[in-house]
Amino acid sequence: MDIMKKEFKVIIERDEDGFFVADVLALPGCNTQGKTLQELQKNIREAITLCLAEAKTNRAYRRHIQAFSRNPSFIGIETVSL
């Protein structure tokens, strides 16, 4: 797996307090939040940069990335009513 790639898929959700929350599934533990989407975009870039720097120097984190990362293909969002 190439952990030094330049593009990452980021899942963005809004939490119950109205904050935007981002999770990078290709980098386990790489997540952040922001009050606005603009703040979130800045924060996620910083988080990815920090995770990649950690991966360069931390063999255990590299193994964690290899074992637990996933790079999903986005299919869509569906609302299910019961």
PDB file of N, CA and C in Angstrom:
ATOM      1  N   MET A   1       0.837  -1.181   0.000  1.00  0.00           N
ATOM      2  CA  MET A   1       0.000   0.000   0.000  1.00  0.00           C
ATOM      3  C   MET A   1       0.881   1.243   0.000  1.00  0.00           C
ATOM      4  N   ASP A   2       0.558   2.200  -0.837  1.00  0.00           N
ATOM      5  CA  ASP A   2       1.317   3.444  -0.928  1.00  0.00           C
ATOM      6  C   ASP A   2       0.733   4.469   0.027  1.00  0.00           C
ATOM      7  N   ILE A   3       1.367   4.643   1.205  1.00  0.00           N
ATOM      8  CA  ILE A   3       0.823   5.574   2.188  1.00  0.00           C
ATOM      9  C   ILE A   3       1.205   7.015   1.876  1.00  0.00           C
ATOM     10  N   MET A   4       2.024   7.246   0.870  1.00  0.00           N
ATOM     11  CA  MET A   4       2.450   8.595   0.549  1.00  0.00           C
ATOM     12  C   MET A   4       1.645   9.200  -0.601  1.00  0.00           C
ATOM     13  N   LYS A   5       0.533   8.612  -0.958  1.00  0.00           N
ATOM     14  CA  LYS A   5      -0.280   9.165  -2.027  1.00  0.00           C
ATOM     15  C   LYS A   5      -0.790  10.541  -1.645  1.00  0.00           C
ATOM     16  N   LYS A   6      -1.184  11.298  -2.636  1.00  0.00           N
ATOM     17  CA  LYS A   6      -1.549  12.691  -2.406  1.00  0.00           C
ATOM     18  C   LYS A   6      -3.047  12.920  -2.254  1.00  0.00           C
ATOM     19  N   GLU A   7      -3.873  11.964  -2.612  1.00  0.00           N
ATOM     20  CA  GLU A   7      -5.312  12.132  -2.505  1.00  0.00           C
ATOM     21  C   GLU A   7      -5.888  11.118  -1.528  1.00  0.00           C
ATOM     22  N   PHE A   8      -6.788  11.594  -0.680  1.00  0.00           N
ATOM     23  CA  PHE A   8      -7.418  10.740   0.306  1.00  0.00           C
ATOM     24  C   PHE A   8      -8.922  10.973   0.284  1.00  0.00           C
ATOM     25  N   LYS A   9      -9.675   9.904   0.388  1.00  0.00           N
ATOM     26  CA  LYS A   9     -11.126  10.025   0.534  1.00  0.00           C
ATOM     27  C   LYS A   9     -11.415  10.329   1.991  1.00  0.00           C
ATOM     28  N   VAL A  10     -12.244  11.344   2.215  1.00  0.00           N
ATOM     29  CA  VAL A  10     -12.571  11.796   3.558  1.00  0.00           C
ATOM     30  C   VAL A  10     -14.081  11.704   3.742  1.00  0.00           C
ATOM     31  N   ILE A  11     -14.501  11.045   4.797  1.00  0.00           N
ATOM     32  CA  ILE A  11     -15.912  10.982   5.161  1.00  0.00           C
ATOM     33  C   ILE A  11     -16.202  12.194   6.048  1.00  0.00           C
ATOM     34  N   ILE A  12     -17.216  12.965   5.690  1.00  0.00           N
ATOM     35  CA  ILE A  12     -17.588  14.150   6.465  1.00  0.00           C
ATOM     36  C   ILE A  12     -19.017  13.989   6.957  1.00  0.00           C
ATOM     37  N   GLU A  13     -19.191  14.217   8.240  1.00  0.00           N
ATOM     38  CA  GLU A  13     -20.519  14.156   8.860  1.00  0.00           C
ATOM     39  C   GLU A  13     -20.702  15.400   9.722  1.00  0.00           C
ATOM     40  N   ARG A  14     -21.921  15.664  10.096  1.00  0.00           N
ATOM     41  CA  ARG A  14     -22.202  16.737  11.050  1.00  0.00           C
ATOM     42  C   ARG A  14     -22.676  16.075  12.339  1.00  0.00           C
ATOM     43  N   ASP A  15     -22.051  16.432  13.458  1.00  0.00           N
ATOM     44  CA  ASP A  15     -22.429  15.799  14.721  1.00  0.00           C
ATOM     45  C   ASP A  15     -23.627  16.496  15.359  1.00  0.00           C
ATOM     46  N   GLU A  16     -24.037  15.975  16.508  1.00  0.00           N
ATOM     47  CA  GLU A  16     -25.246  16.485  17.170  1.00  0.00           C
ATOM     48  C   GLU A  16     -25.079  17.913  17.678  1.00  0.00           C
ATOM     49  N   ASP A  17     -23.834  18.397  17.801  1.00  0.00           N
ATOM     50  CA  ASP A  17     -23.584  19.770  18.228  1.00  0.00           C
ATOM     51  C   ASP A  17     -23.410  20.727  17.055  1.00  0.00           C
ATOM     52  N   GLY A  18     -23.535  20.211  15.823  1.00  0.00           N
ATOM     53  CA  GLY A  18     -23.415  21.053  14.641  1.00  0.00           C
ATOM     54  C   GLY A  18     -22.011  21.166  14.075  1.00  0.00           C
ATOM     55  N   PHE A  19     -21.036  20.500  14.709  1.00  0.00           N
ATOM     56  CA  PHE A  19     -19.666  20.513  14.189  1.00  0.00           C
ATOM     57  C   PHE A  19     -19.555  19.554  13.008  1.00  0.00           C
ATOM     58  N   PHE A  20     -18.679  19.889  12.079  1.00  0.00           N
ATOM     59  CA  PHE A  20     -18.362  18.984  10.987  1.00  0.00           C
ATOM     60  C   PHE A  20     -17.221  18.081  11.449  1.00  0.00           C
ATOM     61  N   VAL A  21     -17.344  16.794  11.181  1.00  0.00           N
ATOM     62  CA  VAL A  21     -16.370  15.801  11.617  1.00  0.00           C
ATOM     63  C   VAL A  21     -15.873  15.059  10.379  1.00  0.00           C
ATOM     64  N   ALA A  22     -14.557  14.925  10.260  1.00  0.00           N
ATOM     65  CA  ALA A  22     -13.956  14.256   9.103  1.00  0.00           C
ATOM     66  C   ALA A  22     -13.124  13.071   9.554  1.00  0.00           C
ATOM     67  N   ASP A  23     -13.179  12.002   8.764  1.00  0.00           N
ATOM     68  CA  ASP A  23     -12.437  10.777   9.057  1.00  0.00           C
ATOM     69  C   ASP A  23     -11.784  10.299   7.762  1.00  0.00           C
ATOM     70  N   VAL A  24     -10.469  10.059   7.815  1.00  0.00           N
ATOM     71  CA  VAL A  24      -9.722   9.557   6.659  1.00  0.00           C
ATOM     72  C   VAL A  24      -9.539   8.061   6.851  1.00  0.00           C
ATOM     73  N   LEU A  25     -10.307   7.260   6.117  1.00  0.00           N
ATOM     74  CA  LEU A  25     -10.301   5.820   6.342  1.00  0.00           C
ATOM     75  C   LEU A  25      -8.997   5.152   5.916  1.00  0.00           C
ATOM     76  N   ALA A  26      -8.248   5.770   5.018  1.00  0.00           N
ATOM     77  CA  ALA A  26      -6.968   5.197   4.601  1.00  0.00           C
ATOM     78  C   ALA A  26      -5.882   5.398   5.654  1.00  0.00           C
ATOM     79  N   LEU A  27      -6.149   6.271   6.631  1.00  0.00           N
ATOM     80  CA  LEU A  27      -5.196   6.533   7.708  1.00  0.00           C
ATOM     81  C   LEU A  27      -5.922   6.368   9.035  1.00  0.00           C
ATOM     82  N   PRO A  28      -5.950   5.170   9.586  1.00  0.00           N
ATOM     83  CA  PRO A  28      -6.667   4.931  10.839  1.00  0.00           C
ATOM     84  C   PRO A  28      -6.258   5.926  11.928  1.00  0.00           C
ATOM     85  N   GLY A  29      -7.262   6.450  12.608  1.00  0.00           N
ATOM     86  CA  GLY A  29      -7.008   7.417  13.661  1.00  0.00           C
ATOM     87  C   GLY A  29      -6.837   8.836  13.168  1.00  0.00           C
ATOM     88  N   CYS A  30      -6.910   9.036  11.875  1.00  0.00           N
ATOM     89  CA  CYS A  30      -6.741  10.364  11.290  1.00  0.00           C
ATOM     90  C   CYS A  30      -8.124  10.992  11.134  1.00  0.00           C
ATOM     91  N   ASN A  31      -8.467  11.846  12.088  1.00  0.00           N
ATOM     92  CA  ASN A  31      -9.767  12.507  12.047  1.00  0.00           C
ATOM     93  C   ASN A  31      -9.656  13.852  12.732  1.00  0.00           C
ATOM     94  N   THR A  32     -10.641  14.692  12.484  1.00  0.00           N
ATOM     95  CA  THR A  32     -10.657  16.028  13.071  1.00  0.00           C
ATOM     96  C   THR A  32     -12.059  16.586  12.977  1.00  0.00           C
ATOM     97  N   GLN A  33     -12.220  17.816  13.444  1.00  0.00           N
ATOM     98  CA  GLN A  33     -13.521  18.466  13.351  1.00  0.00           C
ATOM     99  C   GLN A  33     -13.328  19.956  13.136  1.00  0.00           C
ATOM    100  N   GLY A  34     -14.417  20.638  12.797  1.00  0.00           N
ATOM    101  CA  GLY A  34     -14.392  22.080  12.635  1.00  0.00           C
ATOM    102  C   GLY A  34     -15.791  22.640  12.738  1.00  0.00           C
ATOM    103  N   LYS A  35     -15.882  23.900  13.143  1.00  0.00           N
ATOM    104  CA  LYS A  35     -17.188  24.545  13.243  1.00  0.00           C
ATOM    105  C   LYS A  35     -17.792  24.804  11.876  1.00  0.00           C
ATOM    106  N   THR A  36     -16.949  25.085  10.886  1.00  0.00           N
ATOM    107  CA  THR A  36     -17.397  25.349   9.519  1.00  0.00           C
ATOM    108  C   THR A  36     -16.695  24.373   8.578  1.00  0.00           C
ATOM    109  N   LEU A  37     -17.223  24.240   7.369  1.00  0.00           N
ATOM    110  CA  LEU A  37     -16.557  23.377   6.386  1.00  0.00           C
ATOM    111  C   LEU A  37     -15.175  23.917   6.043  1.00  0.00           C
ATOM    112  N   GLN A  38     -15.037  25.236   5.989  1.00  0.00           N
ATOM    113  CA  GLN A  38     -13.729  25.830   5.695  1.00  0.00           C
ATOM    114  C   GLN A  38     -12.712  25.470   6.784  1.00  0.00           C
ATOM    115  N   GLU A  39     -13.127  25.581   8.030  1.00  0.00           N
ATOM    116  CA  GLU A  39     -12.244  25.212   9.146  1.00  0.00           C
ATOM    117  C   GLU A  39     -11.923  23.716   9.096  1.00  0.00           C
ATOM    118  N   LEU A  40     -12.918  22.900   8.783  1.00  0.00           N
ATOM    119  CA  LEU A  40     -12.704  21.457   8.689  1.00  0.00           C
ATOM    120  C   LEU A  40     -11.693  21.123   7.600  1.00  0.00           C
ATOM    121  N   GLN A  41     -11.806  21.760   6.447  1.00  0.00           N
ATOM    122  CA  GLN A  41     -10.867  21.486   5.349  1.00  0.00           C
ATOM    123  C   GLN A  41      -9.439  21.811   5.756  1.00  0.00           C
ATOM    124  N   LYS A  42      -9.248  22.918   6.452  1.00  0.00           N
ATOM    125  CA  LYS A  42      -7.910  23.272   6.951  1.00  0.00           C
ATOM    126  C   LYS A  42      -7.430  22.226   7.953  1.00  0.00           C
ATOM    127  N   ASN A  43      -8.317  21.863   8.878  1.00  0.00           N
ATOM    128  CA  ASN A  43      -7.939  20.907   9.919  1.00  0.00           C
ATOM    129  C   ASN A  43      -7.632  19.523   9.365  1.00  0.00           C
ATOM    130  N   ILE A  44      -8.375  19.065   8.369  1.00  0.00           N
ATOM    131  CA  ILE A  44      -8.134  17.717   7.843  1.00  0.00           C
ATOM    132  C   ILE A  44      -6.814  17.667   7.075  1.00  0.00           C
ATOM    133  N   ARG A  45      -6.476  18.752   6.392  1.00  0.00           N
ATOM    134  CA  ARG A  45      -5.162  18.793   5.726  1.00  0.00           C
ATOM    135  C   ARG A  45      -4.031  18.691   6.760  1.00  0.00           C
ATOM    136  N   GLU A  46      -4.181  19.415   7.857  1.00  0.00           N
ATOM    137  CA  GLU A  46      -3.183  19.345   8.926  1.00  0.00           C
ATOM    138  C   GLU A  46      -3.121  17.947   9.531  1.00  0.00           C
ATOM    139  N   ALA A  47      -4.282  17.336   9.759  1.00  0.00           N
ATOM    140  CA  ALA A  47      -4.315  15.991  10.344  1.00  0.00           C
ATOM    141  C   ALA A  47      -3.657  14.976   9.424  1.00  0.00           C
ATOM    142  N   ILE A  48      -3.940  15.053   8.131  1.00  0.00           N
ATOM    143  CA  ILE A  48      -3.326  14.123   7.170  1.00  0.00           C
ATOM    144  C   ILE A  48      -1.811  14.317   7.157  1.00  0.00           C
ATOM    145  N   THR A  49      -1.377  15.558   7.140  1.00  0.00           N
ATOM    146  CA  THR A  49       0.061  15.844   7.158  1.00  0.00           C
ATOM    147  C   THR A  49       0.726  15.239   8.390  1.00  0.00           C
ATOM    148  N   LEU A  50       0.086  15.399   9.555  1.00  0.00           N
ATOM    149  CA  LEU A  50       0.635  14.829  10.788  1.00  0.00           C
ATOM    150  C   LEU A  50       0.647  13.301  10.750  1.00  0.00           C
ATOM    151  N   CYS A  51      -0.411  12.696  10.238  1.00  0.00           N
ATOM    152  CA  CYS A  51      -0.461  11.224  10.158  1.00  0.00           C
ATOM    153  C   CYS A  51       0.605  10.693   9.216  1.00  0.00           C
ATOM    154  N   LEU A  52       0.817  11.374   8.093  1.00  0.00           N
ATOM    155  CA  LEU A  52       1.854  10.930   7.155  1.00  0.00           C
ATOM    156  C   LEU A  52       3.247  11.094   7.755  1.00  0.00           C
ATOM    157  N   ALA A  53       3.466  12.171   8.492  1.00  0.00           N
ATOM    158  CA  ALA A  53       4.761  12.361   9.162  1.00  0.00           C
ATOM    159  C   ALA A  53       4.985  11.265  10.200  1.00  0.00           C
ATOM    160  N   GLU A  54       3.936  10.920  10.929  1.00  0.00           N
ATOM    161  CA  GLU A  54       4.035   9.840  11.916  1.00  0.00           C
ATOM    162  C   GLU A  54       4.348   8.509  11.228  1.00  0.00           C
ATOM    163  N   ALA A  55       3.722   8.273  10.080  1.00  0.00           N
ATOM    164  CA  ALA A  55       3.949   7.022   9.351  1.00  0.00           C
ATOM    165  C   ALA A  55       5.398   6.893   8.878  1.00  0.00           C
ATOM    166  N   LYS A  56       6.040   8.024   8.601  1.00  0.00           N
ATOM    167  CA  LYS A  56       7.435   7.989   8.152  1.00  0.00           C
ATOM    168  C   LYS A  56       8.373   7.513   9.251  1.00  0.00           C
ATOM    169  N   THR A  57       8.058   7.845  10.490  1.00  0.00           N
ATOM    170  CA  THR A  57       8.991   7.569  11.577  1.00  0.00           C
ATOM    171  C   THR A  57       8.546   6.458  12.524  1.00  0.00           C
ATOM    172  N   ASN A  58       7.288   6.058  12.432  1.00  0.00           N
ATOM    173  CA  ASN A  58       6.741   5.103  13.395  1.00  0.00           C
ATOM    174  C   ASN A  58       6.332   3.810  12.693  1.00  0.00           C
ATOM    175  N   ARG A  59       7.161   2.789  12.852  1.00  0.00           N
ATOM    176  CA  ARG A  59       6.910   1.502  12.192  1.00  0.00           C
ATOM    177  C   ARG A  59       5.592   0.875  12.654  1.00  0.00           C
ATOM    178  N   ALA A  60       5.274   1.008  13.920  1.00  0.00           N
ATOM    179  CA  ALA A  60       4.023   0.436  14.444  1.00  0.00           C
ATOM    180  C   ALA A  60       2.810   1.095  13.789  1.00  0.00           C
ATOM    181  N   TYR A  61       2.874   2.411  13.600  1.00  0.00           N
ATOM    182  CA  TYR A  61       1.760   3.092  12.942  1.00  0.00           C
ATOM    183  C   TYR A  61       1.648   2.654  11.481  1.00  0.00           C
ATOM    184  N   ARG A  62       2.782   2.468  10.808  1.00  0.00           N
ATOM    185  CA  ARG A  62       2.738   1.965   9.414  1.00  0.00           C
ATOM    186  C   ARG A  62       2.061   0.603   9.364  1.00  0.00           C
ATOM    187  N   ARG A  63       2.387  -0.273  10.324  1.00  0.00           N
ATOM    188  CA  ARG A  63       1.739  -1.590  10.366  1.00  0.00           C
ATOM    189  C   ARG A  63       0.243  -1.434  10.642  1.00  0.00           C
ATOM    190  N   HIS A  64      -0.111  -0.491  11.503  1.00  0.00           N
ATOM    191  CA  HIS A  64      -1.517  -0.228  11.809  1.00  0.00           C
ATOM    192  C   HIS A  64      -2.255   0.242  10.545  1.00  0.00           C
ATOM    193  N   ILE A  65      -1.622   1.097   9.774  1.00  0.00           N
ATOM    194  CA  ILE A  65      -2.220   1.553   8.513  1.00  0.00           C
ATOM    195  C   ILE A  65      -2.453   0.359   7.587  1.00  0.00           C
ATOM    196  N   GLN A  66      -1.451  -0.480   7.442  1.00  0.00           N
ATOM    197  CA  GLN A  66      -1.575  -1.628   6.555  1.00  0.00           C
ATOM    198  C   GLN A  66      -2.648  -2.599   7.014  1.00  0.00           C
ATOM    199  N   ALA A  67      -2.799  -2.760   8.318  1.00  0.00           N
ATOM    200  CA  ALA A  67      -3.754  -3.732   8.845  1.00  0.00           C
ATOM    201  C   ALA A  67      -5.189  -3.215   8.860  1.00  0.00           C
ATOM    202  N   PHE A  68      -5.374  -1.929   9.115  1.00  0.00           N
ATOM    203  CA  PHE A  68      -6.720  -1.437   9.371  1.00  0.00           C
ATOM    204  C   PHE A  68      -7.231  -0.383   8.403  1.00  0.00           C
ATOM    205  N   SER A  69      -6.422   0.059   7.480  1.00  0.00           N
ATOM    206  CA  SER A  69      -6.912   1.092   6.574  1.00  0.00           C
ATOM    207  C   SER A  69      -7.809   0.487   5.512  1.00  0.00           C
ATOM    208  N   ARG A  70      -8.617   1.335   4.947  1.00  0.00           N
ATOM    209  CA  ARG A  70      -9.411   0.935   3.792  1.00  0.00           C
ATOM    210  C   ARG A  70      -9.649   2.166   2.952  1.00  0.00           C
ATOM    211  N   ASN A  71      -9.769   1.962   1.681  1.00  0.00           N
ATOM    212  CA  ASN A  71      -9.983   3.045   0.745  1.00  0.00           C
ATOM    213  C   ASN A  71     -11.301   2.769   0.031  1.00  0.00           C
ATOM    214  N   PRO A  72     -12.399   3.227   0.596  1.00  0.00           N
ATOM    215  CA  PRO A  72     -13.712   2.856   0.077  1.00  0.00           C
ATOM    216  C   PRO A  72     -14.032   3.511  -1.254  1.00  0.00           C
ATOM    217  N   SER A  73     -14.872   2.851  -2.011  1.00  0.00           N
ATOM    218  CA  SER A  73     -15.468   3.438  -3.197  1.00  0.00           C
ATOM    219  C   SER A  73     -16.823   3.983  -2.787  1.00  0.00           C
ATOM    220  N   PHE A  74     -17.046   5.261  -3.003  1.00  0.00           N
ATOM    221  CA  PHE A  74     -18.323   5.844  -2.603  1.00  0.00           C
ATOM    222  C   PHE A  74     -19.416   5.346  -3.531  1.00  0.00           C
ATOM    223  N   ILE A  75     -20.464   4.813  -2.949  1.00  0.00           N
ATOM    224  CA  ILE A  75     -21.602   4.304  -3.701  1.00  0.00           C
ATOM    225  C   ILE A  75     -22.763   5.294  -3.622  1.00  0.00           C
ATOM    226  N   GLY A  76     -23.047   5.773  -2.446  1.00  0.00           N
ATOM    227  CA  GLY A  76     -24.150   6.712  -2.278  1.00  0.00           C
ATOM    228  C   GLY A  76     -24.651   6.703  -0.857  1.00  0.00           C
ATOM    229  N   ILE A  77     -25.666   7.504  -0.636  1.00  0.00           N
ATOM    230  CA  ILE A  77     -26.320   7.571   0.669  1.00  0.00           C
ATOM    231  C   ILE A  77     -27.770   7.189   0.471  1.00  0.00           C
ATOM    232  N   GLU A  78     -28.260   6.394   1.358  1.00  0.00           N
ATOM    233  CA  GLU A  78     -29.639   5.922   1.237  1.00  0.00           C
ATOM    234  C   GLU A  78     -30.346   6.123   2.565  1.00  0.00           C
ATOM    235  N   THR A  79     -31.590   6.579   2.499  1.00  0.00           N
ATOM    236  CA  THR A  79     -32.441   6.680   3.677  1.00  0.00           C
ATOM    237  C   THR A  79     -33.350   5.477   3.696  1.00  0.00           C
ATOM    238  N   VAL A  80     -33.357   4.768   4.806  1.00  0.00           N
ATOM    239  CA  VAL A  80     -34.183   3.566   4.939  1.00  0.00           C
ATOM    240  C   VAL A  80     -35.282   3.863   5.944  1.00  0.00           C
ATOM    241  N   SER A  81     -36.526   3.688   5.543  1.00  0.00           N
ATOM    242  CA  SER A  81     -37.665   3.884   6.436  1.00  0.00           C
ATOM    243  C   SER A  81     -38.215   2.540   6.858  1.00  0.00           C
ATOM    244  N   LEU A  82     -38.546   2.437   8.113  1.00  0.00           N
ATOM    245  CA  LEU A  82     -39.127   1.192   8.635  1.00  0.00           C
ATOM    246  C   LEU A  82     -40.538   1.448   9.116  1.00  0.00           C
TER     247      LEU A  82
END
